[in-house]
Structures are given as structure tokens and as C-alpha cells.
């Protein structure tokens, strides 16, 4: 019995995307989105670097602004007074038993917190001059959300200003080391032979020195009277020079396995140049590993700068970094 085609149920074909035709970077993004921990870490880093970019705007005072009236001042108390977000003035009283000045909150003197106020001049992104700040109180008083140090400097302002050096130094140092490690590792794994042998001997020579003594020795060789910019550049290069060897060996191993893959052989048979094979096949397939290693290296680089500055071998006062602040915290009195 013949069946009328018009009576058959109508079905629609579902489009199935061929994974083999999806660009490598899209596959990486898909794998990245499936990891909630990685996505959460990305958002944390984004927030930290956005705060760093707006640090001068968010900081109520200059990081080196002195005020002996607030030396070792406690964190400001925040309250709602007459419907306004306010803090309170501080009064100093003498503790006759311990012979120390103590701070007492003057609840009779509320200080309304004002937003988008004029303050010290800075250059936003290093280009645009501005005096606009996120918050502040009336002239003659301070609001120290995280307290003040031994010289009355606002800790929050110094923390925000220090992020510019610590976060930038860690990021730039890792970027340089990742670039060097990726290029050297790819060349070593792809060309092999005498080139690979020479590169591996250089890497073994560098890795034969213990990291911490080598790091401290190079940092100690920096002139103490060098400008902040020179010390920043030199410490960045120290982090980059020491950090690229491990990644180079890992990329070399990846490239050596990809070098014998079918798609690489097909590209060679089609007359592809070394540059084409490296940039279109080898590095893209190694990129996910490179990104993971680089991401994990950023906190380590920030920790290295902090450790050097803490030991007095990195960034030095009057410049401020997180390491300088950790060193200053040693002098906190009970």
C-alpha cells in the first residue's frame, strides 16, 4: 500500500557542529567556561586589576601624606548619623600607666563622608590630570578605613598605590617570561638536533642554580640609589629571566609530540613553511598549557616582588609596594 509523503510527520534536522571545524581558541574558551574555579579566579583577577587602574581615584589621600596627629590611628568607625553615612573625629588621650597616647572616638563630632570630592592631583592612567576622588571628609580631618601607619599615612591609600607596582610588576614579568619560554621551547622541540641540544644545555645551566639564592643575588646587585623606574624594570627582568626555563621545557615536550602528528605531516607535505607550521599548528595546540602556566605564575611573581621588597632588596621607600608595606608592618607596636 502506497503511503502519501504529505501524511508523514514533519521532522527537522538538528544541526550538529563539527568539532573539527571549530577554531582552536573557541575550544579553549569552552573548556575554560566549564571550570567554575577558573572562571571565578578570572573574575577575581579582573576585579584586582580594575581596582589597580582606578587606585588614585579610589584612594582618599596621597600615599606619602604625613599627619603625626593620626600616627598608628585605628580604622575609622562608620555609622549612619542623621541619615548620612559618617565617621567620627578622634581625640588623643594620654594613658598614664603605659605612657602612651590613645585614640578615643568623639561621638559628638560626626564627619559626613562625601563622595566624588576634590583632593590631591594625579594622572588617571598616567595621562589625564584629575583631582577627583571617590570619597573624603571635610578639610582638617581624615577617614582611615584601614587605619594609619606610624607616620599617619592612610593604609588604604598606600595599599591601593602599592598595587600599581606589585600587580604590574608581576604581570609584566610573567608576560615576558611566557613569551621567552614559548619561543625558546617551540624552537627547541620543533627543530631538534644541535639547536635543541644547545638550548637544553643553557636551560640546565640556569636551573642548576638554586632559585632563591640566585634571585637574592641578582636583586642585591641593584644599586641602592637607582630611581624607582630603574629598579622596577630590573626586578621585572630578574623575574622574567628566572621564570622562563620551566615553561620552555614543558612547551618543548608538547611540541615534540605535535611535531609527529598527522596534521603537521600534512602541512609539511603541502609545502608549509616553518613559520606557518609553528604559528598555525604547534603554538595554538600548546596555548592552553601556556595560559595555565602563565596564570599560575602571576601570584608567584607578585610574591617574589613582595619578598624582595620585604628584605630591602626590591622596591625601596619612598616608593610603596605591598612588600614595602609588609616590611613596615614589622614595626607595629602592641
C-alpha atoms as a PDB file:
ATOM      1  CA  UNK A   1       0.000   0.000   0.000  1.00  0.00           C
ATOM      2  CA  UNK A   2       1.434   3.345  -1.034  1.00  0.00           C
ATOM      3  CA  UNK A   3       1.949   5.977   1.659  1.00  0.00           C
ATOM      4  CA  UNK A   4       1.376   9.632   0.909  1.00  0.00           C
ATOM      5  CA  UNK A   5       4.517  11.578   1.762  1.00  0.00           C
ATOM      6  CA  UNK A   6       2.432  14.559   2.849  1.00  0.00           C
ATOM      7  CA  UNK A   7       0.908  12.456   5.657  1.00  0.00           C
ATOM      8  CA  UNK A   8       4.280  11.626   7.231  1.00  0.00           C
ATOM      9  CA  UNK A   9       5.177  13.569  10.420  1.00  0.00           C
ATOM     10  CA  UNK A  10       7.316  16.594   9.702  1.00  0.00           C
ATOM     11  CA  UNK A  11      10.800  16.384  11.229  1.00  0.00           C
ATOM     12  CA  UNK A  12      13.572  18.958  11.243  1.00  0.00           C
ATOM     13  CA  UNK A  13      17.214  18.037  11.047  1.00  0.00           C
ATOM     14  CA  UNK A  14      19.237  19.121  14.029  1.00  0.00           C
ATOM     15  CA  UNK A  15      22.434  20.896  13.083  1.00  0.00           C
ATOM     16  CA  UNK A  16      25.392  19.185  14.686  1.00  0.00           C
ATOM     17  CA  UNK A  17      28.502  21.326  14.829  1.00  0.00           C
ATOM     18  CA  UNK A  18      31.638  19.594  13.661  1.00  0.00           C
ATOM     19  CA  UNK A  19      34.198  19.981  16.423  1.00  0.00           C
ATOM     20  CA  UNK A  20      36.959  19.548  13.886  1.00  0.00           C
ATOM     21  CA  UNK A  21      35.899  22.776  12.161  1.00  0.00           C
ATOM     22  CA  UNK A  22      35.778  24.888  15.329  1.00  0.00           C
ATOM     23  CA  UNK A  23      38.786  27.201  15.778  1.00  0.00           C
ATOM     24  CA  UNK A  24      41.235  26.204  18.488  1.00  0.00           C
ATOM     25  CA  UNK A  25      40.611  29.330  20.553  1.00  0.00           C
ATOM     26  CA  UNK A  26      36.860  28.591  20.716  1.00  0.00           C
ATOM     27  CA  UNK A  27      37.551  25.088  22.020  1.00  0.00           C
ATOM     28  CA  UNK A  28      39.808  26.612  24.675  1.00  0.00           C
ATOM     29  CA  UNK A  29      37.082  29.063  25.722  1.00  0.00           C
ATOM     30  CA  UNK A  30      34.548  26.235  26.001  1.00  0.00           C
ATOM     31  CA  UNK A  31      36.827  24.165  28.204  1.00  0.00           C
ATOM     32  CA  UNK A  32      37.612  27.223  30.297  1.00  0.00           C
ATOM     33  CA  UNK A  33      33.931  28.026  30.909  1.00  0.00           C
ATOM     34  CA  UNK A  34      33.281  24.520  32.201  1.00  0.00           C
ATOM     35  CA  UNK A  35      35.706  25.089  35.080  1.00  0.00           C
ATOM     36  CA  UNK A  36      33.902  27.173  37.707  1.00  0.00           C
ATOM     37  CA  UNK A  37      37.102  27.573  39.703  1.00  0.00           C
ATOM     38  CA  UNK A  38      38.940  29.008  36.692  1.00  0.00           C
ATOM     39  CA  UNK A  39      36.092  31.391  35.876  1.00  0.00           C
ATOM     40  CA  UNK A  40      35.954  32.528  39.498  1.00  0.00           C
ATOM     41  CA  UNK A  41      39.700  33.122  39.534  1.00  0.00           C
ATOM     42  CA  UNK A  42      39.417  35.134  36.322  1.00  0.00           C
ATOM     43  CA  UNK A  43      36.805  37.421  37.878  1.00  0.00           C
ATOM     44  CA  UNK A  44      38.967  37.924  40.977  1.00  0.00           C
ATOM     45  CA  UNK A  45      41.942  38.924  38.812  1.00  0.00           C
ATOM     46  CA  UNK A  46      39.769  41.261  36.737  1.00  0.00           C
ATOM     47  CA  UNK A  47      38.471  42.985  39.882  1.00  0.00           C
ATOM     48  CA  UNK A  48      42.003  43.354  41.288  1.00  0.00           C
ATOM     49  CA  UNK A  49      43.388  44.886  38.100  1.00  0.00           C
ATOM     50  CA  UNK A  50      40.374  47.197  37.651  1.00  0.00           C
ATOM     51  CA  UNK A  51      40.906  48.453  41.214  1.00  0.00           C
ATOM     52  CA  UNK A  52      44.584  48.948  40.360  1.00  0.00           C
ATOM     53  CA  UNK A  53      43.689  51.091  37.331  1.00  0.00           C
ATOM     54  CA  UNK A  54      41.397  53.291  39.465  1.00  0.00           C
ATOM     55  CA  UNK A  55      43.629  53.250  42.564  1.00  0.00           C
ATOM     56  CA  UNK A  56      44.352  57.002  42.545  1.00  0.00           C
ATOM     57  CA  UNK A  57      40.649  57.758  42.192  1.00  0.00           C
ATOM     58  CA  UNK A  58      39.701  55.349  44.991  1.00  0.00           C
ATOM     59  CA  UNK A  59      42.486  56.496  47.353  1.00  0.00           C
ATOM     60  CA  UNK A  60      41.342  59.429  49.523  1.00  0.00           C
ATOM     61  CA  UNK A  61      44.886  60.682  50.213  1.00  0.00           C
ATOM     62  CA  UNK A  62      48.360  60.655  48.745  1.00  0.00           C
ATOM     63  CA  UNK A  63      50.251  57.532  49.742  1.00  0.00           C
ATOM     64  CA  UNK A  64      53.088  59.592  51.315  1.00  0.00           C
ATOM     65  CA  UNK A  65      50.901  62.202  53.024  1.00  0.00           C
ATOM     66  CA  UNK A  66      52.160  62.663  56.600  1.00  0.00           C
ATOM     67  CA  UNK A  67      49.982  63.582  59.586  1.00  0.00           C
ATOM     68  CA  UNK A  68      51.516  62.932  63.003  1.00  0.00           C
ATOM     69  CA  UNK A  69      48.131  63.558  64.644  1.00  0.00           C
ATOM     70  CA  UNK A  70      46.962  60.210  63.235  1.00  0.00           C
ATOM     71  CA  UNK A  71      50.110  58.118  63.881  1.00  0.00           C
ATOM     72  CA  UNK A  72      49.036  54.493  64.448  1.00  0.00           C
ATOM     73  CA  UNK A  73      45.448  55.677  64.124  1.00  0.00           C
ATOM     74  CA  UNK A  74      42.780  52.939  64.354  1.00  0.00           C
ATOM     75  CA  UNK A  75      40.364  52.180  61.500  1.00  0.00           C
ATOM     76  CA  UNK A  76      37.630  54.788  61.277  1.00  0.00           C
ATOM     77  CA  UNK A  77      34.222  53.801  62.621  1.00  0.00           C
ATOM     78  CA  UNK A  78      31.399  54.117  60.107  1.00  0.00           C
ATOM     79  CA  UNK A  79      27.805  54.852  61.140  1.00  0.00           C
ATOM     80  CA  UNK A  80      24.610  56.447  59.895  1.00  0.00           C
ATOM     81  CA  UNK A  81      24.135  59.845  61.578  1.00  0.00           C
ATOM     82  CA  UNK A  82      21.077  61.945  60.707  1.00  0.00           C
ATOM     83  CA  UNK A  83      20.544  59.823  57.623  1.00  0.00           C
ATOM     84  CA  UNK A  84      24.096  60.378  56.353  1.00  0.00           C
ATOM     85  CA  UNK A  85      26.986  57.939  56.093  1.00  0.00           C
ATOM     86  CA  UNK A  86      29.509  59.347  58.542  1.00  0.00           C
ATOM     87  CA  UNK A  87      32.639  58.691  60.534  1.00  0.00           C
ATOM     88  CA  UNK A  88      33.809  60.367  63.732  1.00  0.00           C
ATOM     89  CA  UNK A  89      36.680  62.587  64.768  1.00  0.00           C
ATOM     90  CA  UNK A  90      39.376  61.163  67.023  1.00  0.00           C
ATOM     91  CA  UNK A  91      40.657  62.615  70.286  1.00  0.00           C
ATOM     92  CA  UNK A  92      44.041  61.762  71.773  1.00  0.00           C
ATOM     93  CA  UNK A  93      44.287  60.952  75.478  1.00  0.00           C
ATOM     94  CA  UNK A  94      47.369  60.030  77.493  1.00  0.00           C
ATOM     95  CA  UNK A  95      47.472  56.604  79.129  1.00  0.00           C
ATOM     96  CA  UNK A  96      49.370  57.456  82.319  1.00  0.00           C
ATOM     97  CA  UNK A  97      50.018  53.796  83.162  1.00  0.00           C
ATOM     98  CA  UNK A  98      51.703  52.861  79.879  1.00  0.00           C
ATOM     99  CA  UNK A  99      52.709  56.432  78.951  1.00  0.00           C
ATOM    100  CA  UNK A 100      51.132  56.121  75.516  1.00  0.00           C
ATOM    101  CA  UNK A 101      48.771  58.265  73.530  1.00  0.00           C
ATOM    102  CA  UNK A 102      45.419  56.574  72.926  1.00  0.00           C
ATOM    103  CA  UNK A 103      42.713  57.446  70.438  1.00  0.00           C
ATOM    104  CA  UNK A 104      39.141  57.946  71.610  1.00  0.00           C
ATOM    105  CA  UNK A 105      36.223  58.269  69.217  1.00  0.00           C
ATOM    106  CA  UNK A 106      34.488  61.640  69.594  1.00  0.00           C
ATOM    107  CA  UNK A 107      30.866  60.663  69.003  1.00  0.00           C
ATOM    108  CA  UNK A 108      29.842  64.301  69.443  1.00  0.00           C
ATOM    109  CA  UNK A 109      31.772  65.220  66.277  1.00  0.00           C
ATOM    110  CA  UNK A 110      30.370  63.237  63.347  1.00  0.00           C
ATOM    111  CA  UNK A 111      32.035  63.751  59.967  1.00  0.00           C
ATOM    112  CA  UNK A 112      29.748  63.113  56.978  1.00  0.00           C
ATOM    113  CA  UNK A 113      31.519  61.130  54.252  1.00  0.00           C
ATOM    114  CA  UNK A 114      31.349  62.994  50.964  1.00  0.00           C
ATOM    115  CA  UNK A 115      31.568  61.295  47.580  1.00  0.00           C
ATOM    116  CA  UNK A 116      33.290  62.487  44.402  1.00  0.00           C
ATOM    117  CA  UNK A 117      35.319  65.153  46.171  1.00  0.00           C
ATOM    118  CA  UNK A 118      38.359  67.165  45.117  1.00  0.00           C
ATOM    119  CA  UNK A 119      41.727  66.091  46.507  1.00  0.00           C
ATOM    120  CA  UNK A 120      45.362  65.753  45.511  1.00  0.00           C
ATOM    121  CA  UNK A 121      46.185  65.891  41.809  1.00  0.00           C
ATOM    122  CA  UNK A 122      47.098  62.728  39.923  1.00  0.00           C
ATOM    123  CA  UNK A 123      47.133  61.460  36.362  1.00  0.00           C
ATOM    124  CA  UNK A 124      44.485  58.904  35.526  1.00  0.00           C
ATOM    125  CA  UNK A 125      46.109  56.052  33.571  1.00  0.00           C
ATOM    126  CA  UNK A 126      49.244  58.205  33.640  1.00  0.00           C
ATOM    127  CA  UNK A 127      47.749  60.542  31.015  1.00  0.00           C
ATOM    128  CA  UNK A 128      44.733  62.576  32.131  1.00  0.00           C
ATOM    129  CA  UNK A 129      45.230  65.048  35.033  1.00  0.00           C
ATOM    130  CA  UNK A 130      42.489  64.930  37.660  1.00  0.00           C
ATOM    131  CA  UNK A 131      41.738  65.837  41.281  1.00  0.00           C
ATOM    132  CA  UNK A 132      38.534  63.816  41.595  1.00  0.00           C
ATOM    133  CA  UNK A 133      38.418  61.173  44.342  1.00  0.00           C
ATOM    134  CA  UNK A 134      35.740  58.702  45.308  1.00  0.00           C
ATOM    135  CA  UNK A 135      35.235  59.802  48.911  1.00  0.00           C
ATOM    136  CA  UNK A 136      36.589  62.035  51.662  1.00  0.00           C
ATOM    137  CA  UNK A 137      35.686  64.159  54.672  1.00  0.00           C
ATOM    138  CA  UNK A 138      35.981  67.837  55.466  1.00  0.00           C
ATOM    139  CA  UNK A 139      39.382  69.502  55.437  1.00  0.00           C
ATOM    140  CA  UNK A 140      41.446  69.045  58.583  1.00  0.00           C
ATOM    141  CA  UNK A 141      40.210  65.531  59.338  1.00  0.00           C
ATOM    142  CA  UNK A 142      40.938  62.070  57.973  1.00  0.00           C
ATOM    143  CA  UNK A 143      38.911  58.965  57.297  1.00  0.00           C
ATOM    144  CA  UNK A 144      41.172  55.921  57.550  1.00  0.00           C
ATOM    145  CA  UNK A 145      39.114  52.845  56.718  1.00  0.00           C
ATOM    146  CA  UNK A 146      42.107  50.566  57.400  1.00  0.00           C
ATOM    147  CA  UNK A 147      43.820  52.810  59.936  1.00  0.00           C
ATOM    148  CA  UNK A 148      47.094  54.736  59.659  1.00  0.00           C
ATOM    149  CA  UNK A 149      50.758  53.771  59.968  1.00  0.00           C
ATOM    150  CA  UNK A 150      53.488  55.153  62.241  1.00  0.00           C
ATOM    151  CA  UNK A 151      53.668  58.410  60.250  1.00  0.00           C
ATOM    152  CA  UNK A 152      49.914  58.905  59.994  1.00  0.00           C
ATOM    153  CA  UNK A 153      49.778  57.749  56.365  1.00  0.00           C
ATOM    154  CA  UNK A 154      46.475  56.236  55.294  1.00  0.00           C
ATOM    155  CA  UNK A 155      46.959  52.460  54.977  1.00  0.00           C
ATOM    156  CA  UNK A 156      44.205  52.037  52.377  1.00  0.00           C
ATOM    157  CA  UNK A 157      45.740  54.716  50.141  1.00  0.00           C
ATOM    158  CA  UNK A 158      49.136  53.024  50.403  1.00  0.00           C
ATOM    159  CA  UNK A 159      47.593  49.610  49.729  1.00  0.00           C
ATOM    160  CA  UNK A 160      45.908  50.896  46.568  1.00  0.00           C
ATOM    161  CA  UNK A 161      49.023  52.740  45.397  1.00  0.00           C
ATOM    162  CA  UNK A 162      51.205  49.722  46.141  1.00  0.00           C
ATOM    163  CA  UNK A 163      49.004  47.566  43.919  1.00  0.00           C
ATOM    164  CA  UNK A 164      50.194  49.565  40.908  1.00  0.00           C
ATOM    165  CA  UNK A 165      53.756  48.340  41.374  1.00  0.00           C
ATOM    166  CA  UNK A 166      53.115  44.846  42.748  1.00  0.00           C
ATOM    167  CA  UNK A 167      50.410  43.798  40.285  1.00  0.00           C
ATOM    168  CA  UNK A 168      52.015  45.445  37.260  1.00  0.00           C
ATOM    169  CA  UNK A 169      55.451  44.040  38.035  1.00  0.00           C
ATOM    170  CA  UNK A 170      54.082  40.527  38.456  1.00  0.00           C
ATOM    171  CA  UNK A 171      52.010  40.677  35.272  1.00  0.00           C
ATOM    172  CA  UNK A 172      54.704  42.206  33.059  1.00  0.00           C
ATOM    173  CA  UNK A 173      57.393  39.868  34.388  1.00  0.00           C
ATOM    174  CA  UNK A 174      55.245  36.806  33.694  1.00  0.00           C
ATOM    175  CA  UNK A 175      54.296  38.023  30.205  1.00  0.00           C
ATOM    176  CA  UNK A 176      57.972  38.432  29.295  1.00  0.00           C
ATOM    177  CA  UNK A 177      58.907  35.029  30.728  1.00  0.00           C
ATOM    178  CA  UNK A 178      55.972  33.358  28.929  1.00  0.00           C
ATOM    179  CA  UNK A 179      56.993  34.899  25.608  1.00  0.00           C
ATOM    180  CA  UNK A 180      60.632  33.845  26.035  1.00  0.00           C
ATOM    181  CA  UNK A 181      59.716  30.362  27.265  1.00  0.00           C
ATOM    182  CA  UNK A 182      57.202  29.773  24.466  1.00  0.00           C
ATOM    183  CA  UNK A 183      59.564  30.881  21.696  1.00  0.00           C
ATOM    184  CA  UNK A 184      62.609  29.026  23.024  1.00  0.00           C
ATOM    185  CA  UNK A 185      60.638  25.883  23.891  1.00  0.00           C
ATOM    186  CA  UNK A 186      58.931  25.769  20.492  1.00  0.00           C
ATOM    187  CA  UNK A 187      62.219  26.232  18.638  1.00  0.00           C
ATOM    188  CA  UNK A 188      63.883  23.548  20.748  1.00  0.00           C
ATOM    189  CA  UNK A 189      61.143  20.978  20.233  1.00  0.00           C
ATOM    190  CA  UNK A 190      60.491  21.688  16.567  1.00  0.00           C
ATOM    191  CA  UNK A 191      63.996  21.911  15.114  1.00  0.00           C
ATOM    192  CA  UNK A 192      65.672  19.370  17.420  1.00  0.00           C
ATOM    193  CA  UNK A 193      69.254  18.304  16.752  1.00  0.00           C
ATOM    194  CA  UNK A 194      72.054  20.673  17.683  1.00  0.00           C
ATOM    195  CA  UNK A 195      69.637  23.557  18.296  1.00  0.00           C
ATOM    196  CA  UNK A 196      67.690  21.506  20.821  1.00  0.00           C
ATOM    197  CA  UNK A 197      70.902  20.287  22.444  1.00  0.00           C
ATOM    198  CA  UNK A 198      72.306  23.808  22.830  1.00  0.00           C
ATOM    199  CA  UNK A 199      69.065  25.236  24.247  1.00  0.00           C
ATOM    200  CA  UNK A 200      68.690  22.414  26.754  1.00  0.00           C
ATOM    201  CA  UNK A 201      72.254  22.869  27.999  1.00  0.00           C
ATOM    202  CA  UNK A 202      71.589  26.572  28.589  1.00  0.00           C
ATOM    203  CA  UNK A 203      68.387  25.728  30.473  1.00  0.00           C
ATOM    204  CA  UNK A 204      70.195  23.142  32.585  1.00  0.00           C
ATOM    205  CA  UNK A 205      72.884  25.698  33.404  1.00  0.00           C
ATOM    206  CA  UNK A 206      70.323  28.245  34.579  1.00  0.00           C
ATOM    207  CA  UNK A 207      68.339  25.673  36.551  1.00  0.00           C
ATOM    208  CA  UNK A 208      71.462  24.354  38.254  1.00  0.00           C
ATOM    209  CA  UNK A 209      71.474  27.460  40.473  1.00  0.00           C
ATOM    210  CA  UNK A 210      69.002  27.448  43.393  1.00  0.00           C
ATOM    211  CA  UNK A 211      66.206  29.902  42.612  1.00  0.00           C
ATOM    212  CA  UNK A 212      66.099  31.783  45.904  1.00  0.00           C
ATOM    213  CA  UNK A 213      69.870  32.475  46.273  1.00  0.00           C
ATOM    214  CA  UNK A 214      70.091  33.413  42.586  1.00  0.00           C
ATOM    215  CA  UNK A 215      67.097  35.714  42.931  1.00  0.00           C
ATOM    216  CA  UNK A 216      68.510  37.398  46.024  1.00  0.00           C
ATOM    217  CA  UNK A 217      71.986  37.751  44.495  1.00  0.00           C
ATOM    218  CA  UNK A 218      70.698  39.461  41.362  1.00  0.00           C
ATOM    219  CA  UNK A 219      68.441  41.757  43.384  1.00  0.00           C
ATOM    220  CA  UNK A 220      71.247  42.646  45.806  1.00  0.00           C
ATOM    221  CA  UNK A 221      73.397  43.699  42.848  1.00  0.00           C
ATOM    222  CA  UNK A 222      70.977  46.534  42.038  1.00  0.00           C
ATOM    223  CA  UNK A 223      72.286  49.987  43.036  1.00  0.00           C
ATOM    224  CA  UNK A 224      70.550  51.287  46.152  1.00  0.00           C
ATOM    225  CA  UNK A 225      70.310  54.841  44.799  1.00  0.00           C
ATOM    226  CA  UNK A 226      68.730  53.821  41.483  1.00  0.00           C
ATOM    227  CA  UNK A 227      65.445  55.568  40.579  1.00  0.00           C
ATOM    228  CA  UNK A 228      62.205  53.706  41.188  1.00  0.00           C
ATOM    229  CA  UNK A 229      61.655  53.214  37.453  1.00  0.00           C
ATOM    230  CA  UNK A 230      65.074  51.566  37.015  1.00  0.00           C
ATOM    231  CA  UNK A 231      64.561  49.239  39.988  1.00  0.00           C
ATOM    232  CA  UNK A 232      61.095  48.367  38.709  1.00  0.00           C
ATOM    233  CA  UNK A 233      62.492  47.487  35.270  1.00  0.00           C
ATOM    234  CA  UNK A 234      65.415  45.487  36.654  1.00  0.00           C
ATOM    235  CA  UNK A 235      63.269  43.458  39.080  1.00  0.00           C
ATOM    236  CA  UNK A 236      60.842  42.735  36.242  1.00  0.00           C
ATOM    237  CA  UNK A 237      63.699  41.434  34.108  1.00  0.00           C
ATOM    238  CA  UNK A 238      65.019  39.318  37.011  1.00  0.00           C
ATOM    239  CA  UNK A 239      61.597  37.665  37.381  1.00  0.00           C
ATOM    240  CA  UNK A 240      61.413  37.112  33.613  1.00  0.00           C
ATOM    241  CA  UNK A 241      64.940  35.695  33.262  1.00  0.00           C
ATOM    242  CA  UNK A 242      64.497  33.220  36.106  1.00  0.00           C
ATOM    243  CA  UNK A 243      60.939  32.163  35.259  1.00  0.00           C
ATOM    244  CA  UNK A 244      61.090  31.121  31.586  1.00  0.00           C
ATOM    245  CA  UNK A 245      63.128  27.902  31.817  1.00  0.00           C
ATOM    246  CA  UNK A 246      60.416  25.659  33.258  1.00  0.00           C
ATOM    247  CA  UNK A 247      57.844  26.708  30.667  1.00  0.00           C
ATOM    248  CA  UNK A 248      60.370  26.258  27.844  1.00  0.00           C
ATOM    249  CA  UNK A 249      60.906  22.610  28.780  1.00  0.00           C
ATOM    250  CA  UNK A 250      57.180  21.949  29.060  1.00  0.00           C
ATOM    251  CA  UNK A 251      56.449  23.569  25.691  1.00  0.00           C
ATOM    252  CA  UNK A 252      59.324  21.607  24.152  1.00  0.00           C
ATOM    253  CA  UNK A 253      57.717  18.340  25.238  1.00  0.00           C
ATOM    254  CA  UNK A 254      54.347  19.412  23.834  1.00  0.00           C
ATOM    255  CA  UNK A 255      55.834  20.493  20.506  1.00  0.00           C
ATOM    256  CA  UNK A 256      57.820  17.272  20.129  1.00  0.00           C
ATOM    257  CA  UNK A 257      54.588  15.263  20.348  1.00  0.00           C
ATOM    258  CA  UNK A 258      52.714  17.596  17.986  1.00  0.00           C
ATOM    259  CA  UNK A 259      55.602  17.597  15.509  1.00  0.00           C
ATOM    260  CA  UNK A 260      54.849  13.990  14.552  1.00  0.00           C
ATOM    261  CA  UNK A 261      51.070  14.449  14.370  1.00  0.00           C
ATOM    262  CA  UNK A 262      49.159  13.839  11.121  1.00  0.00           C
ATOM    263  CA  UNK A 263      48.132  17.476  10.670  1.00  0.00           C
ATOM    264  CA  UNK A 264      51.758  18.592  10.958  1.00  0.00           C
ATOM    265  CA  UNK A 265      52.871  15.999   8.399  1.00  0.00           C
ATOM    266  CA  UNK A 266      50.062  17.105   6.077  1.00  0.00           C
ATOM    267  CA  UNK A 267      51.155  20.730   6.393  1.00  0.00           C
ATOM    268  CA  UNK A 268      54.753  19.769   5.576  1.00  0.00           C
ATOM    269  CA  UNK A 269      53.596  17.747   2.553  1.00  0.00           C
ATOM    270  CA  UNK A 270      51.557  20.728   1.360  1.00  0.00           C
ATOM    271  CA  UNK A 271      54.694  22.870   1.369  1.00  0.00           C
ATOM    272  CA  UNK A 272      54.008  24.783   4.567  1.00  0.00           C
ATOM    273  CA  UNK A 273      56.878  26.875   5.878  1.00  0.00           C
ATOM    274  CA  UNK A 274      58.355  26.528   9.354  1.00  0.00           C
ATOM    275  CA  UNK A 275      56.652  29.765  10.391  1.00  0.00           C
ATOM    276  CA  UNK A 276      53.275  28.523   9.119  1.00  0.00           C
ATOM    277  CA  UNK A 277      53.576  25.182  10.913  1.00  0.00           C
ATOM    278  CA  UNK A 278      54.682  26.770  14.183  1.00  0.00           C
ATOM    279  CA  UNK A 279      52.085  29.554  14.252  1.00  0.00           C
ATOM    280  CA  UNK A 280      49.128  27.581  12.847  1.00  0.00           C
ATOM    281  CA  UNK A 281      49.590  24.170  14.447  1.00  0.00           C
ATOM    282  CA  UNK A 282      52.208  23.895  17.179  1.00  0.00           C
ATOM    283  CA  UNK A 283      51.710  27.031  19.286  1.00  0.00           C
ATOM    284  CA  UNK A 284      47.857  27.012  19.088  1.00  0.00           C
ATOM    285  CA  UNK A 285      47.775  23.425  20.363  1.00  0.00           C
ATOM    286  CA  UNK A 286      50.163  24.334  23.195  1.00  0.00           C
ATOM    287  CA  UNK A 287      48.384  27.575  24.041  1.00  0.00           C
ATOM    288  CA  UNK A 288      46.035  26.138  26.673  1.00  0.00           C
ATOM    289  CA  UNK A 289      49.002  24.803  28.644  1.00  0.00           C
ATOM    290  CA  UNK A 290      50.893  28.090  28.228  1.00  0.00           C
ATOM    291  CA  UNK A 291      47.924  30.076  29.568  1.00  0.00           C
ATOM    292  CA  UNK A 292      47.570  27.816  32.613  1.00  0.00           C
ATOM    293  CA  UNK A 293      51.282  28.048  33.446  1.00  0.00           C
ATOM    294  CA  UNK A 294      51.305  31.825  32.942  1.00  0.00           C
ATOM    295  CA  UNK A 295      48.223  32.317  35.110  1.00  0.00           C
ATOM    296  CA  UNK A 296      49.712  30.306  37.961  1.00  0.00           C
ATOM    297  CA  UNK A 297      52.997  32.203  37.641  1.00  0.00           C
ATOM    298  CA  UNK A 298      51.439  35.643  38.256  1.00  0.00           C
ATOM    299  CA  UNK A 299      50.820  35.116  42.019  1.00  0.00           C
ATOM    300  CA  UNK A 300      54.315  33.646  42.346  1.00  0.00           C
ATOM    301  CA  UNK A 301      55.814  36.721  40.656  1.00  0.00           C
ATOM    302  CA  UNK A 302      53.841  39.044  42.940  1.00  0.00           C
ATOM    303  CA  UNK A 303      55.089  37.037  45.911  1.00  0.00           C
ATOM    304  CA  UNK A 304      58.669  37.321  44.644  1.00  0.00           C
ATOM    305  CA  UNK A 305      58.444  41.109  44.441  1.00  0.00           C
ATOM    306  CA  UNK A 306      56.849  41.240  47.879  1.00  0.00           C
ATOM    307  CA  UNK A 307      59.608  39.080  49.358  1.00  0.00           C
ATOM    308  CA  UNK A 308      62.377  41.175  47.788  1.00  0.00           C
ATOM    309  CA  UNK A 309      60.858  44.460  48.962  1.00  0.00           C
ATOM    310  CA  UNK A 310      60.311  42.962  52.421  1.00  0.00           C
ATOM    311  CA  UNK A 311      64.023  42.105  52.593  1.00  0.00           C
ATOM    312  CA  UNK A 312      65.004  45.582  51.382  1.00  0.00           C
ATOM    313  CA  UNK A 313      66.261  44.337  48.005  1.00  0.00           C
ATOM    314  CA  UNK A 314      63.301  45.307  45.835  1.00  0.00           C
ATOM    315  CA  UNK A 315      61.246  48.494  45.741  1.00  0.00           C
ATOM    316  CA  UNK A 316      62.510  50.947  48.364  1.00  0.00           C
ATOM    317  CA  UNK A 317      60.812  53.873  50.159  1.00  0.00           C
ATOM    318  CA  UNK A 318      59.568  56.488  49.438  1.00  0.00           C
ATOM    319  CA  UNK A 319      58.013  54.331  46.702  1.00  0.00           C
ATOM    320  CA  UNK A 320      55.384  51.950  48.015  1.00  0.00           C
ATOM    321  CA  UNK A 321      54.579  48.356  47.136  1.00  0.00           C
ATOM    322  CA  UNK A 322      52.966  45.534  49.048  1.00  0.00           C
ATOM    323  CA  UNK A 323      56.393  44.280  50.051  1.00  0.00           C
ATOM    324  CA  UNK A 324      57.312  47.693  51.475  1.00  0.00           C
ATOM    325  CA  UNK A 325      54.078  47.687  53.481  1.00  0.00           C
ATOM    326  CA  UNK A 326      54.781  44.205  54.852  1.00  0.00           C
ATOM    327  CA  UNK A 327      58.214  45.407  55.926  1.00  0.00           C
ATOM    328  CA  UNK A 328      56.707  48.452  57.642  1.00  0.00           C
ATOM    329  CA  UNK A 329      54.233  46.185  59.436  1.00  0.00           C
ATOM    330  CA  UNK A 330      57.137  44.673  61.378  1.00  0.00           C
ATOM    331  CA  UNK A 331      57.373  47.856  63.418  1.00  0.00           C
ATOM    332  CA  UNK A 332      53.760  47.773  64.618  1.00  0.00           C
ATOM    333  CA  UNK A 333      53.607  48.158  68.375  1.00  0.00           C
ATOM    334  CA  UNK A 334      51.175  46.279  70.556  1.00  0.00           C
END
